[in-house]
Amino acid sequence: MRSNAWYVVLVISLAVQASSPPLLERRYKEGEKLTYRMQGLNGDWKYEIQANGLISKDSKGAFVEEYGWTGMTGVDLNPASLAFRQRLSLNPDFTLTVPDLSKVQPQMIGPITDLLTFYADMQVAKRAALTHSGEHSYFKHGTPNSWADGTYYVLGQDSIDFDVTLTKLDRDKNTEDLLVKHVPPEKPQVSLSAEWMRKPVSDTPNNWVEVAHQNGKYIAEVGKETFDDKIVVDLTDGKILTAELQNPVEFVKRECTDAELANCAEPSPGKTFRRVGIELVK
């Protein structure tokens, strides 16, 4: 069973040129604390974990949210994982990046990168500047996003475009519901080093690839990945109230003896499904 489907991350390179549209403007208060409870389902594995954040200003005077992680069900977090801090922001001028994942436990990488995905999708939604229920925008992106850690995962990439919809604007509750879909581009840009990886696994060109180095062998998987990311935003101050992503992957898997992935066993098909959600603890 493919056990690491949650190693998915999106880091956008779309530049937000204009200031945030009024509907999604984030109004920070220095010293404010935010706590998100995350629940994840990956195949048969369920987990919960908590992200504890504090809003402060960086050296340039920009607001940032700094999160530490605690209380992962079934996992004793080691000192390095407990000491890890993740810096995020809904400020459109803030550049979201993949943090150094080499020192945290493998079980932590999913929650860290999924929280990053929610914030990255908010950056996309800000750029869309949608103002009415049902309004829709599409962004071509394609540039590969990586979650390789350089140790266990020697390659991990997906290539996606963005399909953004303002699904509901609730003036009574002062909330906005967004749907940000990650869809395969017409020409994905993932690194496919072996010819066998280029054959489409599903109904689109392959836009997802992952290669793990394990016990002297290379476990290579390639296929189609999509995301549906639903986000509810508090329009009072622009913070995320809830978010949920659904992430199916359809792939073929081969065990190879060489880094070039040329000498491999016969392929075996597979499917995985992840659901990850966060809720602001009030």
C-alpha atoms as a PDB file:
ATOM      1  CA  MET A   1       0.000   0.000   0.000  1.00  0.00           C
ATOM      2  CA  ARG A   2       1.260   3.423  -0.891  1.00  0.00           C
ATOM      3  CA  SER A   3       1.774   4.964   2.549  1.00  0.00           C
ATOM      4  CA  ASN A   4       3.031   8.464   1.841  1.00  0.00           C
ATOM      5  CA  ALA A   5       0.347   9.984  -0.366  1.00  0.00           C
ATOM      6  CA  TRP A   6       0.206  12.993   1.943  1.00  0.00           C
ATOM      7  CA  TYR A   7       3.591  14.314   0.803  1.00  0.00           C
ATOM      8  CA  VAL A   8       1.852  16.777  -1.483  1.00  0.00           C
ATOM      9  CA  VAL A   9       2.751  20.446  -1.537  1.00  0.00           C
ATOM     10  CA  LEU A  10       1.843  23.398  -3.639  1.00  0.00           C
ATOM     11  CA  VAL A  11       4.095  26.423  -3.745  1.00  0.00           C
ATOM     12  CA  ILE A  12       2.900  29.060  -6.151  1.00  0.00           C
ATOM     13  CA  SER A  13       5.072  31.348  -8.205  1.00  0.00           C
ATOM     14  CA  LEU A  14       2.127  33.439  -9.378  1.00  0.00           C
ATOM     15  CA  ALA A  15       2.925  37.026  -8.480  1.00  0.00           C
ATOM     16  CA  VAL A  16       0.102  38.979  -6.885  1.00  0.00           C
ATOM     17  CA  GLN A  17       0.652  42.383  -8.396  1.00  0.00           C
ATOM     18  CA  ALA A  18      -2.237  44.312  -6.896  1.00  0.00           C
ATOM     19  CA  SER A  19      -3.256  44.703  -3.282  1.00  0.00           C
ATOM     20  CA  SER A  20      -5.733  42.194  -1.878  1.00  0.00           C
ATOM     21  CA  PRO A  21      -9.325  42.693  -3.023  1.00  0.00           C
ATOM     22  CA  PRO A  22     -11.439  44.092  -0.158  1.00  0.00           C
ATOM     23  CA  LEU A  23     -13.339  40.814   0.300  1.00  0.00           C
ATOM     24  CA  LEU A  24     -10.183  38.821   1.105  1.00  0.00           C
ATOM     25  CA  GLU A  25      -7.994  41.469   2.687  1.00  0.00           C
ATOM     26  CA  ARG A  26      -6.213  40.080   5.748  1.00  0.00           C
ATOM     27  CA  ARG A  27      -6.231  42.511   8.655  1.00  0.00           C
ATOM     28  CA  TYR A  28      -3.628  41.327  11.128  1.00  0.00           C
ATOM     29  CA  LYS A  29      -3.233  42.192  14.806  1.00  0.00           C
ATOM     30  CA  GLU A  30       0.245  41.789  16.247  1.00  0.00           C
ATOM     31  CA  GLY A  31       0.285  39.314  19.120  1.00  0.00           C
ATOM     32  CA  GLU A  32      -2.907  37.529  18.036  1.00  0.00           C
ATOM     33  CA  LYS A  33      -2.844  33.759  18.518  1.00  0.00           C
ATOM     34  CA  LEU A  34      -4.361  31.308  16.057  1.00  0.00           C
ATOM     35  CA  THR A  35      -4.889  27.598  16.623  1.00  0.00           C
ATOM     36  CA  TYR A  36      -5.940  25.198  13.871  1.00  0.00           C
ATOM     37  CA  ARG A  37      -7.023  21.623  14.467  1.00  0.00           C
ATOM     38  CA  MET A  38      -6.097  19.447  11.486  1.00  0.00           C
ATOM     39  CA  GLN A  39      -7.679  16.092  10.709  1.00  0.00           C
ATOM     40  CA  GLY A  40      -6.326  13.842   8.000  1.00  0.00           C
ATOM     41  CA  LEU A  41      -7.454  10.675   6.247  1.00  0.00           C
ATOM     42  CA  ASN A  42      -4.943   8.858   4.064  1.00  0.00           C
ATOM     43  CA  GLY A  43      -6.241   5.450   3.041  1.00  0.00           C
ATOM     44  CA  ASP A  44      -6.816   3.610   6.315  1.00  0.00           C
ATOM     45  CA  TRP A  45      -4.709   6.021   8.377  1.00  0.00           C
ATOM     46  CA  LYS A  46      -6.483   8.759  10.328  1.00  0.00           C
ATOM     47  CA  TYR A  47      -4.711  11.405  12.348  1.00  0.00           C
ATOM     48  CA  GLU A  48      -5.217  14.658  14.202  1.00  0.00           C
ATOM     49  CA  ILE A  49      -2.664  17.339  14.965  1.00  0.00           C
ATOM     50  CA  GLN A  50      -2.717  20.938  16.148  1.00  0.00           C
ATOM     51  CA  ALA A  51      -0.979  23.985  14.675  1.00  0.00           C
ATOM     52  CA  ASN A  52      -0.421  26.795  17.189  1.00  0.00           C
ATOM     53  CA  GLY A  53       0.310  30.180  15.638  1.00  0.00           C
ATOM     54  CA  LEU A  54       1.400  33.610  16.764  1.00  0.00           C
ATOM     55  CA  ILE A  55       1.175  36.756  14.639  1.00  0.00           C
ATOM     56  CA  SER A  56       4.240  38.976  14.678  1.00  0.00           C
ATOM     57  CA  LYS A  57       6.192  41.300  12.394  1.00  0.00           C
ATOM     58  CA  ASP A  58       9.339  40.341  10.508  1.00  0.00           C
ATOM     59  CA  SER A  59      12.449  42.491  10.142  1.00  0.00           C
ATOM     60  CA  LYS A  60      10.752  44.489   7.371  1.00  0.00           C
ATOM     61  CA  GLY A  61       7.659  45.186   9.429  1.00  0.00           C
ATOM     62  CA  ALA A  62       5.434  42.735   7.539  1.00  0.00           C
ATOM     63  CA  PHE A  63       2.987  40.533   9.424  1.00  0.00           C
ATOM     64  CA  VAL A  64       3.726  36.802   9.547  1.00  0.00           C
ATOM     65  CA  GLU A  65       2.057  33.805  11.168  1.00  0.00           C
ATOM     66  CA  GLU A  66       4.498  31.435  12.878  1.00  0.00           C
ATOM     67  CA  TYR A  67       3.227  27.938  13.684  1.00  0.00           C
ATOM     68  CA  GLY A  68       4.460  25.145  15.896  1.00  0.00           C
ATOM     69  CA  TRP A  69       2.934  21.673  15.871  1.00  0.00           C
ATOM     70  CA  THR A  70       1.741  19.546  18.802  1.00  0.00           C
ATOM     71  CA  GLY A  71      -0.403  16.574  19.727  1.00  0.00           C
ATOM     72  CA  MET A  72      -0.220  14.282  16.712  1.00  0.00           C
ATOM     73  CA  THR A  73      -2.302  11.191  17.374  1.00  0.00           C
ATOM     74  CA  GLY A  74      -0.279   7.984  17.496  1.00  0.00           C
ATOM     75  CA  VAL A  75       3.068   9.739  17.076  1.00  0.00           C
ATOM     76  CA  ASP A  76       5.489  10.882  19.771  1.00  0.00           C
ATOM     77  CA  LEU A  77       6.932  14.040  18.273  1.00  0.00           C
ATOM     78  CA  ASN A  78      10.657  14.341  18.888  1.00  0.00           C
ATOM     79  CA  PRO A  79      12.372  17.568  20.061  1.00  0.00           C
ATOM     80  CA  ALA A  80      13.275  18.605  16.489  1.00  0.00           C
ATOM     81  CA  SER A  81       9.648  18.286  15.310  1.00  0.00           C
ATOM     82  CA  LEU A  82       8.353  20.148  18.361  1.00  0.00           C
ATOM     83  CA  ALA A  83      10.909  22.928  17.844  1.00  0.00           C
ATOM     84  CA  PHE A  84      10.072  23.336  14.147  1.00  0.00           C
ATOM     85  CA  ARG A  85       8.439  26.635  13.211  1.00  0.00           C
ATOM     86  CA  GLN A  86       6.533  27.294   9.991  1.00  0.00           C
ATOM     87  CA  ARG A  87       6.185  30.867   8.743  1.00  0.00           C
ATOM     88  CA  LEU A  88       3.127  31.704   6.656  1.00  0.00           C
ATOM     89  CA  SER A  89       1.132  34.789   5.763  1.00  0.00           C
ATOM     90  CA  LEU A  90      -1.985  35.819   3.864  1.00  0.00           C
ATOM     91  CA  ASN A  91      -0.288  39.103   3.000  1.00  0.00           C
ATOM     92  CA  PRO A  92      -0.083  39.101  -0.824  1.00  0.00           C
ATOM     93  CA  ASP A  93       3.486  40.454  -0.672  1.00  0.00           C
ATOM     94  CA  PHE A  94       4.682  37.474   1.377  1.00  0.00           C
ATOM     95  CA  THR A  95       6.539  34.793  -0.608  1.00  0.00           C
ATOM     96  CA  LEU A  96       5.446  31.300   0.383  1.00  0.00           C
ATOM     97  CA  THR A  97       8.234  28.722   0.304  1.00  0.00           C
ATOM     98  CA  VAL A  98       8.775  25.100   1.278  1.00  0.00           C
ATOM     99  CA  PRO A  99      10.491  25.044   4.690  1.00  0.00           C
ATOM    100  CA  ASP A 100      13.442  22.790   5.519  1.00  0.00           C
ATOM    101  CA  LEU A 101      11.797  19.405   6.061  1.00  0.00           C
ATOM    102  CA  SER A 102      14.977  17.430   6.651  1.00  0.00           C
ATOM    103  CA  LYS A 103      14.851  17.654  10.445  1.00  0.00           C
ATOM    104  CA  VAL A 104      11.207  16.823  11.144  1.00  0.00           C
ATOM    105  CA  GLN A 105       9.751  13.331  11.422  1.00  0.00           C
ATOM    106  CA  PRO A 106       8.299  11.914   8.184  1.00  0.00           C
ATOM    107  CA  GLN A 107       4.767  11.960   9.633  1.00  0.00           C
ATOM    108  CA  MET A 108       5.054  15.733  10.024  1.00  0.00           C
ATOM    109  CA  ILE A 109       5.724  16.520   6.382  1.00  0.00           C
ATOM    110  CA  GLY A 110       2.111  15.988   5.335  1.00  0.00           C
ATOM    111  CA  PRO A 111       0.559  18.417   7.832  1.00  0.00           C
ATOM    112  CA  ILE A 112       3.250  21.039   7.184  1.00  0.00           C
ATOM    113  CA  THR A 113       2.888  20.954   3.418  1.00  0.00           C
ATOM    114  CA  ASP A 114      -0.902  20.726   3.481  1.00  0.00           C
ATOM    115  CA  LEU A 115      -1.155  23.841   5.639  1.00  0.00           C
ATOM    116  CA  LEU A 116       1.144  25.525   3.142  1.00  0.00           C
ATOM    117  CA  THR A 117      -1.193  24.413   0.352  1.00  0.00           C
ATOM    118  CA  PHE A 118      -4.183  26.126   1.976  1.00  0.00           C
ATOM    119  CA  TYR A 119      -2.250  29.385   2.249  1.00  0.00           C
ATOM    120  CA  ALA A 120      -0.937  29.105  -1.300  1.00  0.00           C
ATOM    121  CA  ASP A 121      -4.453  28.570  -2.630  1.00  0.00           C
ATOM    122  CA  MET A 122      -5.550  31.674  -0.785  1.00  0.00           C
ATOM    123  CA  GLN A 123      -2.841  33.594  -2.644  1.00  0.00           C
ATOM    124  CA  VAL A 124      -4.328  32.326  -5.908  1.00  0.00           C
ATOM    125  CA  ALA A 125      -7.833  33.307  -4.806  1.00  0.00           C
ATOM    126  CA  LYS A 126      -6.625  36.803  -3.919  1.00  0.00           C
ATOM    127  CA  ARG A 127      -5.229  37.195  -7.399  1.00  0.00           C
ATOM    128  CA  ALA A 128      -8.522  36.056  -8.933  1.00  0.00           C
ATOM    129  CA  ALA A 129     -10.278  38.988  -7.156  1.00  0.00           C
ATOM    130  CA  LEU A 130     -13.702  37.377  -7.444  1.00  0.00           C
ATOM    131  CA  THR A 131     -16.605  39.392  -6.030  1.00  0.00           C
ATOM    132  CA  HIS A 132     -19.846  37.537  -6.840  1.00  0.00           C
ATOM    133  CA  SER A 133     -21.174  34.050  -6.076  1.00  0.00           C
ATOM    134  CA  GLY A 134     -20.538  31.730  -9.003  1.00  0.00           C
ATOM    135  CA  GLU A 135     -17.740  33.879 -10.432  1.00  0.00           C
ATOM    136  CA  HIS A 136     -14.867  31.864 -11.839  1.00  0.00           C
ATOM    137  CA  SER A 137     -11.249  32.275 -12.966  1.00  0.00           C
ATOM    138  CA  TYR A 138      -8.585  29.993 -14.470  1.00  0.00           C
ATOM    139  CA  PHE A 139      -4.815  30.397 -14.090  1.00  0.00           C
ATOM    140  CA  LYS A 140      -2.206  28.564 -16.094  1.00  0.00           C
ATOM    141  CA  HIS A 141       0.731  27.631 -13.886  1.00  0.00           C
ATOM    142  CA  GLY A 142       2.382  24.315 -14.794  1.00  0.00           C
ATOM    143  CA  THR A 143       5.696  24.992 -13.016  1.00  0.00           C
ATOM    144  CA  PRO A 144       6.543  21.856 -10.991  1.00  0.00           C
ATOM    145  CA  ASN A 145       6.105  21.904  -7.223  1.00  0.00           C
ATOM    146  CA  SER A 146       8.495  19.703  -5.249  1.00  0.00           C
ATOM    147  CA  TRP A 147       8.255  17.851  -1.936  1.00  0.00           C
ATOM    148  CA  ALA A 148      11.499  15.840  -2.282  1.00  0.00           C
ATOM    149  CA  ASP A 149      13.429  15.763   0.977  1.00  0.00           C
ATOM    150  CA  GLY A 150      16.738  14.705  -0.604  1.00  0.00           C
ATOM    151  CA  THR A 151      16.973  11.602   1.567  1.00  0.00           C
ATOM    152  CA  TYR A 152      14.012   9.265   1.305  1.00  0.00           C
ATOM    153  CA  TYR A 153      12.211  11.035  -1.538  1.00  0.00           C
ATOM    154  CA  VAL A 154      14.738  11.674  -4.287  1.00  0.00           C
ATOM    155  CA  LEU A 155      12.011  13.051  -6.578  1.00  0.00           C
ATOM    156  CA  GLY A 156       8.553  14.361  -5.818  1.00  0.00           C
ATOM    157  CA  GLN A 157       6.763  16.693  -8.211  1.00  0.00           C
ATOM    158  CA  ASP A 158       3.351  17.703  -9.439  1.00  0.00           C
ATOM    159  CA  SER A 159       2.386  20.159 -12.177  1.00  0.00           C
ATOM    160  CA  ILE A 160      -0.991  21.866 -12.041  1.00  0.00           C
ATOM    161  CA  ASP A 161      -3.132  24.747 -13.212  1.00  0.00           C
ATOM    162  CA  PHE A 162      -5.678  26.534 -10.983  1.00  0.00           C
ATOM    163  CA  ASP A 163      -9.442  26.680 -11.432  1.00  0.00           C
ATOM    164  CA  VAL A 164     -10.922  29.123  -8.857  1.00  0.00           C
ATOM    165  CA  THR A 165     -14.609  29.688  -8.044  1.00  0.00           C
ATOM    166  CA  LEU A 166     -16.291  31.900  -5.469  1.00  0.00           C
ATOM    167  CA  THR A 167     -18.997  29.392  -4.582  1.00  0.00           C
ATOM    168  CA  LYS A 168     -20.852  31.386  -1.931  1.00  0.00           C
ATOM    169  CA  LEU A 169     -20.841  34.892  -0.503  1.00  0.00           C
ATOM    170  CA  ASP A 170     -22.797  34.987   2.753  1.00  0.00           C
ATOM    171  CA  ARG A 171     -23.361  38.566   3.863  1.00  0.00           C
ATOM    172  CA  ASP A 172     -25.317  37.479   6.961  1.00  0.00           C
ATOM    173  CA  LYS A 173     -22.444  35.356   8.315  1.00  0.00           C
ATOM    174  CA  ASN A 174     -19.847  37.636   6.681  1.00  0.00           C
ATOM    175  CA  THR A 175     -18.063  34.659   5.116  1.00  0.00           C
ATOM    176  CA  GLU A 176     -16.897  33.656   1.677  1.00  0.00           C
ATOM    177  CA  ASP A 177     -16.670  30.087   0.366  1.00  0.00           C
ATOM    178  CA  LEU A 178     -14.001  29.353  -2.217  1.00  0.00           C
ATOM    179  CA  LEU A 179     -13.245  26.311  -4.359  1.00  0.00           C
ATOM    180  CA  VAL A 180      -9.690  26.103  -5.680  1.00  0.00           C
ATOM    181  CA  LYS A 181      -9.158  23.146  -7.987  1.00  0.00           C
ATOM    182  CA  HIS A 182      -5.711  21.918  -9.023  1.00  0.00           C
ATOM    183  CA  VAL A 183      -6.025  20.380 -12.467  1.00  0.00           C
ATOM    184  CA  PRO A 184      -3.495  18.844 -14.881  1.00  0.00           C
ATOM    185  CA  PRO A 185      -2.130  21.342 -17.424  1.00  0.00           C
ATOM    186  CA  GLU A 186      -2.304  20.621 -21.115  1.00  0.00           C
ATOM    187  CA  LYS A 187       1.451  20.020 -21.007  1.00  0.00           C
ATOM    188  CA  PRO A 188       2.642  19.089 -17.495  1.00  0.00           C
ATOM    189  CA  GLN A 189       6.245  19.968 -16.627  1.00  0.00           C
ATOM    190  CA  VAL A 190       7.183  17.188 -14.187  1.00  0.00           C
ATOM    191  CA  SER A 191      10.551  15.441 -14.587  1.00  0.00           C
ATOM    192  CA  LEU A 192       9.988  12.025 -16.169  1.00  0.00           C
ATOM    193  CA  SER A 193      13.407  10.439 -16.497  1.00  0.00           C
ATOM    194  CA  ALA A 194      12.331   7.093 -17.973  1.00  0.00           C
ATOM    195  CA  GLU A 195      10.378   6.536 -21.161  1.00  0.00           C
ATOM    196  CA  TRP A 196       7.850   4.237 -19.464  1.00  0.00           C
ATOM    197  CA  MET A 197       6.779   7.115 -17.218  1.00  0.00           C
ATOM    198  CA  ARG A 198       5.478   9.140 -20.164  1.00  0.00           C
ATOM    199  CA  LYS A 199       2.571   6.810 -20.997  1.00  0.00           C
ATOM    200  CA  PRO A 200      -0.631   8.401 -19.598  1.00  0.00           C
ATOM    201  CA  VAL A 201      -2.029   6.496 -16.668  1.00  0.00           C
ATOM    202  CA  SER A 202      -5.447   8.153 -16.892  1.00  0.00           C
ATOM    203  CA  ASP A 203      -7.292  10.515 -19.251  1.00  0.00           C
ATOM    204  CA  THR A 204      -4.672  13.309 -19.169  1.00  0.00           C
ATOM    205  CA  PRO A 205      -0.874  13.479 -19.491  1.00  0.00           C
ATOM    206  CA  ASN A 206       0.849  12.410 -16.272  1.00  0.00           C
ATOM    207  CA  ASN A 207       1.258  15.404 -13.957  1.00  0.00           C
ATOM    208  CA  TRP A 208       2.527  13.683 -10.780  1.00  0.00           C
ATOM    209  CA  VAL A 209       5.702  11.687 -10.031  1.00  0.00           C
ATOM    210  CA  GLU A 210       7.355  10.348  -6.892  1.00  0.00           C
ATOM    211  CA  VAL A 211      10.542   8.299  -6.476  1.00  0.00           C
ATOM    212  CA  ALA A 212      11.644   6.928  -3.097  1.00  0.00           C
ATOM    213  CA  HIS A 213      15.028   5.366  -2.289  1.00  0.00           C
ATOM    214  CA  GLN A 214      14.370   2.406  -0.025  1.00  0.00           C
ATOM    215  CA  ASN A 215      16.594  -0.549   0.962  1.00  0.00           C
ATOM    216  CA  GLY A 216      18.906   0.033  -1.976  1.00  0.00           C
ATOM    217  CA  LYS A 217      16.076   0.134  -4.512  1.00  0.00           C
ATOM    218  CA  TYR A 218      14.017   2.888  -6.137  1.00  0.00           C
ATOM    219  CA  ILE A 219      10.237   2.847  -5.797  1.00  0.00           C
ATOM    220  CA  ALA A 220       8.906   4.894  -8.713  1.00  0.00           C
ATOM    221  CA  GLU A 221       5.302   6.049  -9.127  1.00  0.00           C
ATOM    222  CA  VAL A 222       3.795   8.237 -11.839  1.00  0.00           C
ATOM    223  CA  GLY A 223       0.276   9.270 -12.749  1.00  0.00           C
ATOM    224  CA  LYS A 224      -2.523  11.832 -12.490  1.00  0.00           C
ATOM    225  CA  GLU A 225      -3.190  14.010  -9.440  1.00  0.00           C
ATOM    226  CA  THR A 226      -5.953  16.526  -8.769  1.00  0.00           C
ATOM    227  CA  PHE A 227      -7.006  18.632  -5.755  1.00  0.00           C
ATOM    228  CA  ASP A 228     -10.333  20.106  -4.717  1.00  0.00           C
ATOM    229  CA  ASP A 229      -9.665  22.661  -2.001  1.00  0.00           C
ATOM    230  CA  LYS A 230     -12.669  24.225  -0.231  1.00  0.00           C
ATOM    231  CA  ILE A 231     -11.887  27.252   1.948  1.00  0.00           C
ATOM    232  CA  VAL A 232     -14.197  29.348   4.138  1.00  0.00           C
ATOM    233  CA  VAL A 233     -12.882  32.831   4.933  1.00  0.00           C
ATOM    234  CA  ASP A 234     -13.980  35.231   7.668  1.00  0.00           C
ATOM    235  CA  LEU A 235     -14.524  38.528   5.860  1.00  0.00           C
ATOM    236  CA  THR A 236     -14.253  40.464   9.113  1.00  0.00           C
ATOM    237  CA  ASP A 237     -10.474  40.139   9.135  1.00  0.00           C
ATOM    238  CA  GLY A 238      -9.690  37.767   6.246  1.00  0.00           C
ATOM    239  CA  LYS A 239      -8.500  34.736   8.219  1.00  0.00           C
ATOM    240  CA  ILE A 240      -9.230  31.133   7.229  1.00  0.00           C
ATOM    241  CA  LEU A 241     -12.060  29.601   9.277  1.00  0.00           C
ATOM    242  CA  THR A 242     -12.085  26.128   7.743  1.00  0.00           C
ATOM    243  CA  ALA A 243     -10.472  24.434   4.781  1.00  0.00           C
ATOM    244  CA  GLU A 244     -10.644  20.947   3.324  1.00  0.00           C
ATOM    245  CA  LEU A 245      -8.745  19.371   0.473  1.00  0.00           C
ATOM    246  CA  GLN A 246      -9.602  16.181  -1.372  1.00  0.00           C
ATOM    247  CA  ASN A 247      -6.671  14.687  -3.236  1.00  0.00           C
ATOM    248  CA  PRO A 248      -7.059  11.595  -5.447  1.00  0.00           C
ATOM    249  CA  VAL A 249      -4.046  10.145  -7.270  1.00  0.00           C
ATOM    250  CA  GLU A 250      -4.202   7.463  -9.958  1.00  0.00           C
ATOM    251  CA  PHE A 251      -0.775   5.954 -10.693  1.00  0.00           C
ATOM    252  CA  VAL A 252       1.395   3.042 -11.746  1.00  0.00           C
ATOM    253  CA  LYS A 253       4.195   1.821  -9.513  1.00  0.00           C
ATOM    254  CA  ARG A 254       7.433   0.037 -10.379  1.00  0.00           C
ATOM    255  CA  GLU A 255      10.357  -1.165  -8.251  1.00  0.00           C
ATOM    256  CA  CYS A 256      13.678  -0.373  -9.921  1.00  0.00           C
ATOM    257  CA  THR A 257      17.276  -1.300  -9.190  1.00  0.00           C
ATOM    258  CA  ASP A 258      18.899   1.791 -10.718  1.00  0.00           C
ATOM    259  CA  ALA A 259      18.576   5.546 -10.269  1.00  0.00           C
ATOM    260  CA  GLU A 260      17.790   5.953 -13.986  1.00  0.00           C
ATOM    261  CA  LEU A 261      14.662   3.805 -13.514  1.00  0.00           C
ATOM    262  CA  ALA A 262      15.526   1.695 -16.527  1.00  0.00           C
ATOM    263  CA  ASN A 263      15.727  -1.730 -14.844  1.00  0.00           C
ATOM    264  CA  CYS A 264      12.362  -2.196 -13.213  1.00  0.00           C
ATOM    265  CA  ALA A 265       9.828  -4.833 -12.306  1.00  0.00           C
ATOM    266  CA  GLU A 266       6.469  -4.979 -14.045  1.00  0.00           C
ATOM    267  CA  PRO A 267       4.170  -2.042 -13.260  1.00  0.00           C
ATOM    268  CA  SER A 268       1.280  -2.350 -10.831  1.00  0.00           C
ATOM    269  CA  PRO A 269      -1.653   0.110 -10.910  1.00  0.00           C
ATOM    270  CA  GLY A 270      -2.904   1.904  -7.847  1.00  0.00           C
ATOM    271  CA  LYS A 271      -5.196   4.626  -6.538  1.00  0.00           C
ATOM    272  CA  THR A 272      -5.027   6.693  -3.380  1.00  0.00           C
ATOM    273  CA  PHE A 273      -7.277   9.256  -1.803  1.00  0.00           C
ATOM    274  CA  ARG A 274      -6.515  11.808   0.898  1.00  0.00           C
ATOM    275  CA  ARG A 275      -8.812  14.157   2.762  1.00  0.00           C
ATOM    276  CA  VAL A 276      -7.282  16.825   4.990  1.00  0.00           C
ATOM    277  CA  GLY A 277      -9.161  19.530   6.834  1.00  0.00           C
ATOM    278  CA  ILE A 278      -8.390  22.357   9.232  1.00  0.00           C
ATOM    279  CA  GLU A 279     -10.700  24.255  11.569  1.00  0.00           C
ATOM    280  CA  LEU A 280      -9.925  27.385  13.515  1.00  0.00           C
ATOM    281  CA  VAL A 281     -10.250  26.706  17.235  1.00  0.00           C
ATOM    282  CA  LYS A 282     -12.131  29.607  18.810  1.00  0.00           C
END
